[in-house]
Amino acid sequence: MPAVDVTEIDGGFEVTAELPGMDEKNVEVKLANHTLTIKGEKRDEQEETKKDYYMRERSFGSFQRSFTVPDGVDMDKIEAIFKKGVLTVTLPKTAEAKKTEKKITIKAA
């Protein structure tokens, strides 16, 4: 399983997944029914032929992670960027959700 961080940033949320050795064509990001799903598959094949031997190794692995998207996220403006093995999905808040923040006063007991 890849390391995934979900953080609240100014104006929205950010999901960051570390996917070393993968590229964007092997990763899929979907949104359905307020659920963000990130899935991918890694395939690695090595082949080496020398005078005395022939070596062939294969390794395969897949993953899938799903997250519930909170109310107040602008579903039409979600973006995904893949750079140097790190996938960053930005989920911006709607204008209404940004305004609903309320500071709670703490009373001394």
C-alpha atoms as a PDB file:
ATOM      1  CA  MET A   1       0.000   0.000   0.000  1.00  0.00           C
ATOM      2  CA  PRO A   2       1.329   3.423  -0.882  1.00  0.00           C
ATOM      3  CA  ALA A   3       1.681   6.099   1.755  1.00  0.00           C
ATOM      4  CA  VAL A   4      -1.267   8.506   1.481  1.00  0.00           C
ATOM      5  CA  ASP A   5      -1.767  11.769   3.369  1.00  0.00           C
ATOM      6  CA  VAL A   6      -5.016  13.737   3.530  1.00  0.00           C
ATOM      7  CA  THR A   7      -4.653  17.323   4.711  1.00  0.00           C
ATOM      8  CA  GLU A   8      -6.858  20.380   4.891  1.00  0.00           C
ATOM      9  CA  ILE A   9      -5.248  23.299   3.111  1.00  0.00           C
ATOM     10  CA  ASP A  10      -6.346  26.882   2.693  1.00  0.00           C
ATOM     11  CA  GLY A  11      -9.403  26.694   0.470  1.00  0.00           C
ATOM     12  CA  GLY A  12      -9.824  22.934   0.342  1.00  0.00           C
ATOM     13  CA  PHE A  13      -8.288  19.533   0.898  1.00  0.00           C
ATOM     14  CA  GLU A  14      -5.277  17.771  -0.560  1.00  0.00           C
ATOM     15  CA  VAL A  15      -4.663  14.040  -0.975  1.00  0.00           C
ATOM     16  CA  THR A  16      -1.028  13.107  -1.575  1.00  0.00           C
ATOM     17  CA  ALA A  17       0.034   9.576  -2.517  1.00  0.00           C
ATOM     18  CA  GLU A  18       3.644   8.460  -2.825  1.00  0.00           C
ATOM     19  CA  LEU A  19       3.911   6.126  -5.814  1.00  0.00           C
ATOM     20  CA  PRO A  20       7.622   5.542  -6.492  1.00  0.00           C
ATOM     21  CA  GLY A  21       8.480   3.735  -9.690  1.00  0.00           C
ATOM     22  CA  MET A  22       5.061   4.367 -11.224  1.00  0.00           C
ATOM     23  CA  ASP A  23       3.958   6.784 -13.899  1.00  0.00           C
ATOM     24  CA  GLU A  24       0.632   8.484 -14.525  1.00  0.00           C
ATOM     25  CA  LYS A  25      -0.559   5.989 -17.149  1.00  0.00           C
ATOM     26  CA  ASN A  26      -0.637   3.251 -14.472  1.00  0.00           C
ATOM     27  CA  VAL A  27      -2.679   5.312 -12.001  1.00  0.00           C
ATOM     28  CA  GLU A  28      -6.414   6.003 -12.109  1.00  0.00           C
ATOM     29  CA  VAL A  29      -8.357   8.590 -10.084  1.00  0.00           C
ATOM     30  CA  LYS A  30     -12.170   8.359 -10.014  1.00  0.00           C
ATOM     31  CA  LEU A  31     -14.964  10.170  -8.219  1.00  0.00           C
ATOM     32  CA  ALA A  32     -18.352   8.513  -7.701  1.00  0.00           C
ATOM     33  CA  ASN A  33     -21.040   8.975  -5.039  1.00  0.00           C
ATOM     34  CA  HIS A  34     -18.865  11.299  -2.906  1.00  0.00           C
ATOM     35  CA  THR A  35     -16.044   8.720  -2.920  1.00  0.00           C
ATOM     36  CA  LEU A  36     -12.603   9.477  -4.331  1.00  0.00           C
ATOM     37  CA  THR A  37     -10.800   6.307  -5.454  1.00  0.00           C
ATOM     38  CA  ILE A  38      -7.129   6.081  -6.356  1.00  0.00           C
ATOM     39  CA  LYS A  39      -5.934   2.831  -7.857  1.00  0.00           C
ATOM     40  CA  GLY A  40      -2.923   1.675  -9.743  1.00  0.00           C
ATOM     41  CA  GLU A  41      -0.820  -1.218 -10.835  1.00  0.00           C
ATOM     42  CA  LYS A  42       2.929  -1.615 -10.929  1.00  0.00           C
ATOM     43  CA  ARG A  43       4.637  -4.108 -13.185  1.00  0.00           C
ATOM     44  CA  ASP A  44       8.346  -4.696 -13.277  1.00  0.00           C
ATOM     45  CA  GLU A  45      10.182  -7.131 -15.488  1.00  0.00           C
ATOM     46  CA  GLN A  46      13.904  -7.701 -15.618  1.00  0.00           C
ATOM     47  CA  GLU A  47      15.743  -9.925 -18.006  1.00  0.00           C
ATOM     48  CA  GLU A  48      19.456 -10.653 -18.065  1.00  0.00           C
ATOM     49  CA  THR A  49      21.367 -12.987 -20.329  1.00  0.00           C
ATOM     50  CA  LYS A  50      25.000 -13.833 -19.624  1.00  0.00           C
ATOM     51  CA  LYS A  51      27.339 -16.504 -20.802  1.00  0.00           C
ATOM     52  CA  ASP A  52      26.498 -18.946 -18.002  1.00  0.00           C
ATOM     53  CA  TYR A  53      22.883 -18.132 -17.226  1.00  0.00           C
ATOM     54  CA  TYR A  54      19.604 -16.547 -18.165  1.00  0.00           C
ATOM     55  CA  MET A  55      17.677 -14.637 -15.493  1.00  0.00           C
ATOM     56  CA  ARG A  56      14.138 -13.311 -15.728  1.00  0.00           C
ATOM     57  CA  GLU A  57      12.224 -11.695 -12.838  1.00  0.00           C
ATOM     58  CA  ARG A  58       8.713 -10.348 -12.756  1.00  0.00           C
ATOM     59  CA  SER A  59       6.912  -8.514 -10.012  1.00  0.00           C
ATOM     60  CA  PHE A  60       3.369  -7.242 -10.055  1.00  0.00           C
ATOM     61  CA  GLY A  61       1.324  -5.350  -7.527  1.00  0.00           C
ATOM     62  CA  SER A  62      -1.854  -3.347  -7.420  1.00  0.00           C
ATOM     63  CA  PHE A  63      -3.498  -1.096  -4.889  1.00  0.00           C
ATOM     64  CA  GLN A  64      -6.743   0.763  -4.350  1.00  0.00           C
ATOM     65  CA  ARG A  65      -7.533   3.422  -1.753  1.00  0.00           C
ATOM     66  CA  SER A  66     -10.903   5.138  -1.312  1.00  0.00           C
ATOM     67  CA  PHE A  67     -11.809   8.273   0.622  1.00  0.00           C
ATOM     68  CA  THR A  68     -15.155   9.874   1.377  1.00  0.00           C
ATOM     69  CA  VAL A  69     -15.266  13.395  -0.034  1.00  0.00           C
ATOM     70  CA  PRO A  70     -16.715  15.803   2.560  1.00  0.00           C
ATOM     71  CA  ASP A  71     -19.668  18.056   1.851  1.00  0.00           C
ATOM     72  CA  GLY A  72     -18.644  21.469   0.606  1.00  0.00           C
ATOM     73  CA  VAL A  73     -16.114  20.267  -1.986  1.00  0.00           C
ATOM     74  CA  ASP A  74     -16.551  21.665  -5.501  1.00  0.00           C
ATOM     75  CA  MET A  75     -16.738  18.376  -7.418  1.00  0.00           C
ATOM     76  CA  ASP A  76     -16.221  20.051 -10.820  1.00  0.00           C
ATOM     77  CA  LYS A  77     -12.885  21.603  -9.842  1.00  0.00           C
ATOM     78  CA  ILE A  78     -11.046  18.562  -8.470  1.00  0.00           C
ATOM     79  CA  GLU A  79      -7.567  18.268 -10.017  1.00  0.00           C
ATOM     80  CA  ALA A  80      -4.924  15.537 -10.026  1.00  0.00           C
ATOM     81  CA  ILE A  81      -1.229  16.148 -10.732  1.00  0.00           C
ATOM     82  CA  PHE A  82       1.449  13.457 -10.977  1.00  0.00           C
ATOM     83  CA  LYS A  83       5.048  14.609 -10.581  1.00  0.00           C
ATOM     84  CA  LYS A  84       8.195  12.614  -9.767  1.00  0.00           C
ATOM     85  CA  GLY A  85       6.317   9.649  -8.310  1.00  0.00           C
ATOM     86  CA  VAL A  86       3.922  11.712  -6.196  1.00  0.00           C
ATOM     87  CA  LEU A  87       0.215  12.030  -6.980  1.00  0.00           C
ATOM     88  CA  THR A  88      -1.478  15.146  -5.593  1.00  0.00           C
ATOM     89  CA  VAL A  89      -5.265  15.441  -5.780  1.00  0.00           C
ATOM     90  CA  THR A  90      -6.653  18.876  -4.874  1.00  0.00           C
ATOM     91  CA  LEU A  91     -10.264  19.133  -3.711  1.00  0.00           C
ATOM     92  CA  PRO A  92     -11.238  22.826  -3.493  1.00  0.00           C
ATOM     93  CA  LYS A  93     -14.058  23.964  -1.229  1.00  0.00           C
ATOM     94  CA  THR A  94     -17.090  25.736  -2.630  1.00  0.00           C
ATOM     95  CA  ALA A  95     -17.536  29.443  -1.874  1.00  0.00           C
ATOM     96  CA  GLU A  96     -20.361  28.581   0.547  1.00  0.00           C
ATOM     97  CA  ALA A  97     -18.223  26.092   2.454  1.00  0.00           C
ATOM     98  CA  LYS A  98     -15.443  28.652   2.864  1.00  0.00           C
ATOM     99  CA  LYS A  99     -17.892  31.098   4.457  1.00  0.00           C
ATOM    100  CA  THR A 100     -19.361  28.646   6.967  1.00  0.00           C
ATOM    101  CA  GLU A 101     -16.293  28.609   9.190  1.00  0.00           C
ATOM    102  CA  LYS A 102     -17.149  29.696  12.710  1.00  0.00           C
ATOM    103  CA  LYS A 103     -14.884  30.404  15.657  1.00  0.00           C
ATOM    104  CA  ILE A 104     -16.053  28.849  18.929  1.00  0.00           C
ATOM    105  CA  THR A 105     -15.355  30.782  22.108  1.00  0.00           C
ATOM    106  CA  ILE A 106     -13.781  28.757  24.916  1.00  0.00           C
ATOM    107  CA  LYS A 107     -15.141  29.492  28.384  1.00  0.00           C
ATOM    108  CA  ALA A 108     -13.156  29.001  31.542  1.00  0.00           C
ATOM    109  CA  ALA A 109     -14.660  26.564  34.031  1.00  0.00           C
END
